[in-house]
Amino acid sequence: WVLALEPTYVAGLQVLVRSIIAGTDPVVISASFTAAEFVSASARIDEPRYTSLVPVQLARLLDAADDPAVAECLRGFAAILVGGQALPATEADHAAALGIRIVRTYGSSETSGGCVYDGVPLPGVAVRIVDGEVQISGPVLASGYLDDDARTAHAFVTDAAGSRWYRTGDVGTVDGVLRVTGRRDNVIVSGGINVSLDWVERVIRTVP
């Protein structure tokens, strides 16, 4: 694994966990993430290679992919996990055109990191939509927030069958595949109409 995220965040922490389970040592990139550093770090590990990135890091690498060495490096990864926020369609299309294997991850600290991959929950993980909100259940859930019973009670609910669910605050749909469309708290009212700022951002990103 190439560790390109701070291990104080759950996605970076999980890279360390995966490396331990695989019996390997991760190659660590400094906080000043650059394409050159990424290529150099990747060259120090054997295949199959993996890494976990946020969209802005992937964007930097794609911007540098005109350099054949960068493009070849990216194609050499068995999978590049991308999460933390929505991956713009333009970047996903660019990566696909270059033959780069991207896996979109969805999760949070409360779910021990990514627990839904390319819209499909891990075994034992369940996803449902309640009043438009994405909720997650399964063994990945945190027991709650330390010394904050009120916040815990708000974020984690138990259904009639005794299953605990985490209220993510995200809005989405599930039709066999989870599609996250935005945040419940990222909506403004304009002229009496609810406007999702996440949708506005997606449209703006398609404009050259």
Protein backbone atom coordinates (compact mmCIF):
# COMPACT_ATOMS: atom_id res chain seq x y z
CA TRP A 1 0.00 0.00 0.00
CA VAL A 2 1.01 3.58 -0.67
CA LEU A 3 -0.07 5.71 2.29
CA ALA A 4 -0.96 9.09 0.82
CA LEU A 5 -3.45 10.16 3.52
CA GLU A 6 -2.88 11.31 7.06
CA PRO A 7 -3.20 8.28 9.39
CA THR A 8 -5.11 10.50 11.83
CA TYR A 9 -8.04 10.18 9.39
CA VAL A 10 -9.91 6.90 9.17
CA ALA A 11 -9.04 6.29 5.49
CA GLY A 12 -5.34 6.65 6.25
CA LEU A 13 -5.68 4.51 9.36
CA GLN A 14 -7.32 1.78 7.31
CA VAL A 15 -4.37 1.76 4.91
CA LEU A 16 -2.18 0.93 7.91
CA VAL A 17 -4.63 -1.78 9.04
CA ARG A 18 -4.74 -3.34 5.56
CA SER A 19 -0.95 -3.33 5.39
CA ILE A 20 -0.68 -5.06 8.76
CA ILE A 21 -3.22 -7.71 7.72
CA ALA A 22 -1.33 -8.26 4.46
CA GLY A 23 1.97 -8.50 6.33
CA THR A 24 3.49 -5.62 4.38
CA ASP A 25 4.96 -2.22 5.21
CA PRO A 26 3.25 0.77 3.56
CA VAL A 27 5.27 3.35 1.69
CA VAL A 28 4.49 6.74 3.23
CA ILE A 29 4.18 9.95 1.21
CA SER A 30 4.80 13.26 2.96
CA ALA A 31 2.02 15.78 3.51
CA SER A 32 3.18 17.76 0.46
CA PHE A 33 1.55 15.37 -2.01
CA THR A 34 2.91 15.60 -5.56
CA ALA A 35 2.77 13.38 -8.61
CA ALA A 36 6.55 12.96 -8.53
CA GLU A 37 6.46 11.78 -4.91
CA PHE A 38 3.63 9.38 -5.69
CA VAL A 39 5.48 7.82 -8.62
CA SER A 40 8.67 7.50 -6.56
CA ALA A 41 6.84 5.86 -3.65
CA SER A 42 4.99 3.47 -5.94
CA ALA A 43 8.25 2.29 -7.48
CA ARG A 44 9.40 1.08 -4.06
CA ILE A 45 6.68 -1.56 -3.65
CA ASP A 46 5.87 -4.74 -5.53
CA GLU A 47 2.66 -5.48 -7.38
CA PRO A 48 -0.20 -5.79 -6.68
CA ARG A 49 -0.21 -2.18 -5.53
CA TYR A 50 -3.02 -0.32 -3.82
CA THR A 51 -3.61 3.17 -2.49
CA SER A 52 -6.40 5.29 -1.07
CA LEU A 53 -6.87 8.88 -2.24
CA VAL A 54 -9.27 11.79 -1.97
CA PRO A 55 -10.55 13.33 -5.24
CA VAL A 56 -8.21 16.34 -5.13
CA GLN A 57 -5.18 14.02 -4.98
CA LEU A 58 -6.48 11.97 -7.89
CA ALA A 59 -7.07 15.19 -9.84
CA ARG A 60 -3.41 16.21 -9.34
CA LEU A 61 -2.24 12.84 -10.62
CA LEU A 62 -4.57 12.96 -13.63
CA ASP A 63 -3.37 16.48 -14.44
CA ALA A 64 0.18 15.08 -14.50
CA ALA A 65 -0.75 11.97 -16.49
CA ASP A 66 0.41 13.56 -19.75
CA ASP A 67 3.77 12.34 -18.48
CA PRO A 68 3.90 8.68 -19.61
CA ALA A 69 5.65 7.70 -16.36
CA VAL A 70 2.76 9.01 -14.28
CA ALA A 71 0.12 7.35 -16.46
CA GLU A 72 1.98 4.03 -16.41
CA CYS A 73 2.36 4.25 -12.63
CA LEU A 74 -1.37 4.77 -12.16
CA ARG A 75 -2.23 1.90 -14.50
CA GLY A 76 0.06 -0.32 -12.41
CA PHE A 77 -2.26 -0.20 -9.39
CA ALA A 78 -4.62 -3.12 -8.86
CA ALA A 79 -7.05 -0.58 -7.41
CA ILE A 80 -7.05 3.06 -6.37
CA LEU A 81 -9.67 3.69 -3.70
CA VAL A 82 -11.22 7.14 -3.89
CA GLY A 83 -13.43 8.54 -1.16
CA GLY A 84 -13.92 11.37 1.29
CA GLN A 85 -16.26 13.19 -1.07
CA ALA A 86 -17.94 12.64 -4.42
CA LEU A 87 -15.65 11.96 -7.37
CA PRO A 88 -16.49 14.37 -10.24
CA ALA A 89 -17.68 12.55 -13.35
CA THR A 90 -15.03 14.26 -15.48
CA GLU A 91 -12.26 12.80 -13.32
CA ALA A 92 -13.84 9.36 -13.30
CA ASP A 93 -14.11 9.44 -17.10
CA HIS A 94 -10.51 10.67 -17.45
CA ALA A 95 -9.25 7.84 -15.24
CA ALA A 96 -11.27 5.25 -17.18
CA ALA A 97 -9.92 6.54 -20.50
CA LEU A 98 -6.37 6.06 -19.18
CA GLY A 99 -7.13 2.50 -18.04
CA ILE A 100 -6.84 3.33 -14.33
CA ARG A 101 -8.82 1.09 -11.97
CA ILE A 102 -10.78 3.37 -9.64
CA VAL A 103 -12.94 2.05 -6.81
CA ARG A 104 -15.32 4.56 -5.27
CA THR A 105 -15.57 4.09 -1.53
CA TYR A 106 -18.24 5.33 0.86
CA GLY A 107 -18.08 5.45 4.62
CA SER A 108 -16.99 7.57 7.57
CA SER A 109 -15.22 7.35 10.90
CA GLU A 110 -18.51 6.09 12.37
CA THR A 111 -18.44 3.13 9.95
CA SER A 112 -14.72 2.34 10.37
CA GLY A 113 -14.04 3.91 6.99
CA GLY A 114 -15.25 2.67 3.62
CA CYS A 115 -17.95 0.01 3.87
CA VAL A 116 -19.64 0.49 0.49
CA TYR A 117 -17.53 -0.03 -2.64
CA ASP A 118 -18.76 1.13 -6.04
CA GLY A 119 -22.21 1.35 -4.48
CA VAL A 120 -22.22 -2.20 -3.11
CA PRO A 121 -22.09 -2.77 0.68
CA LEU A 122 -19.54 -5.15 2.17
CA PRO A 123 -20.86 -8.52 3.40
CA GLY A 124 -22.78 -7.99 6.63
CA VAL A 125 -23.34 -4.29 5.91
CA ALA A 126 -26.83 -3.04 5.07
CA VAL A 127 -27.90 0.27 3.55
CA ARG A 128 -31.35 1.83 3.62
CA ILE A 129 -32.92 5.18 2.80
CA VAL A 130 -35.17 6.81 5.41
CA ASP A 131 -36.81 10.11 4.46
CA GLY A 132 -34.14 10.50 1.80
CA GLU A 133 -31.28 9.94 4.25
CA VAL A 134 -28.68 7.20 3.79
CA GLN A 135 -28.45 4.94 6.84
CA ILE A 136 -25.97 2.13 7.43
CA SER A 137 -26.10 -0.96 9.64
CA GLY A 138 -23.64 -3.75 10.37
CA PRO A 139 -20.62 -4.78 12.45
CA VAL A 140 -18.62 -1.81 11.12
CA LEU A 141 -20.54 0.70 13.26
CA ALA A 142 -18.95 2.60 16.10
CA SER A 143 -20.52 2.10 19.52
CA GLY A 144 -21.04 5.86 19.75
CA TYR A 145 -19.34 9.16 20.54
CA LEU A 146 -17.09 9.29 23.58
CA ASP A 147 -18.76 11.06 26.51
CA ASP A 148 -21.56 12.40 24.29
CA ASP A 149 -24.74 10.43 24.88
CA ALA A 150 -27.00 13.01 23.21
CA ARG A 151 -25.03 13.00 19.96
CA THR A 152 -24.85 9.21 20.05
CA ALA A 153 -28.62 8.90 20.49
CA HIS A 154 -29.21 11.25 17.55
CA ALA A 155 -26.79 9.57 15.14
CA PHE A 156 -27.39 5.90 16.03
CA VAL A 157 -30.93 4.52 16.08
CA THR A 158 -32.28 1.02 16.72
CA ASP A 159 -35.15 -0.44 14.71
CA ALA A 160 -37.93 -2.75 15.89
CA ALA A 161 -35.84 -5.81 15.03
CA GLY A 162 -33.00 -4.61 17.26
CA SER A 163 -30.63 -3.57 14.44
CA ARG A 164 -28.56 -0.41 14.98
CA TRP A 165 -28.39 2.11 12.15
CA TYR A 166 -26.10 5.08 11.64
CA ARG A 167 -27.75 8.21 10.27
CA THR A 168 -25.13 9.51 7.83
CA GLY A 169 -26.71 12.88 7.05
CA ASP A 170 -26.20 12.10 3.36
CA VAL A 171 -29.00 12.01 0.80
CA GLY A 172 -29.19 9.22 -1.75
CA THR A 173 -31.02 6.37 -3.41
CA VAL A 174 -30.65 2.59 -3.38
CA ASP A 175 -31.80 0.39 -6.26
CA GLY A 176 -29.35 -2.44 -5.77
CA VAL A 177 -26.54 0.14 -5.86
CA LEU A 178 -26.14 3.07 -3.48
CA ARG A 179 -25.99 6.48 -5.11
CA VAL A 180 -25.18 9.39 -2.81
CA THR A 181 -26.54 12.66 -4.20
CA GLY A 182 -25.61 15.17 -1.50
CA ARG A 183 -25.87 16.27 2.12
CA ARG A 184 -29.08 17.01 3.98
CA ASP A 185 -27.47 20.09 5.49
CA ASN A 186 -26.20 21.33 2.11
CA VAL A 187 -29.56 22.54 0.83
CA ILE A 188 -30.67 26.16 0.57
CA VAL A 189 -34.14 27.56 -0.13
CA SER A 190 -34.30 29.97 -3.05
CA GLY A 191 -37.66 31.38 -4.13
CA GLY A 192 -39.41 28.69 -2.13
CA ILE A 193 -37.51 25.91 -3.91
CA ASN A 194 -35.05 23.55 -2.22
CA VAL A 195 -31.73 23.78 -4.06
CA SER A 196 -29.01 21.18 -3.48
CA LEU A 197 -25.61 22.87 -3.52
CA ASP A 198 -24.07 19.48 -4.33
CA TRP A 199 -26.06 19.32 -7.58
CA VAL A 200 -25.09 22.92 -8.38
CA GLU A 201 -21.42 22.00 -7.90
CA ARG A 202 -21.75 18.96 -10.20
CA VAL A 203 -23.21 21.09 -12.97
CA ILE A 204 -20.56 23.80 -12.56
CA ARG A 205 -17.79 21.21 -12.80
CA THR A 206 -19.02 20.23 -16.28
CA VAL A 207 -18.49 23.79 -17.57
CA PRO A 208 -15.01 24.33 -19.05
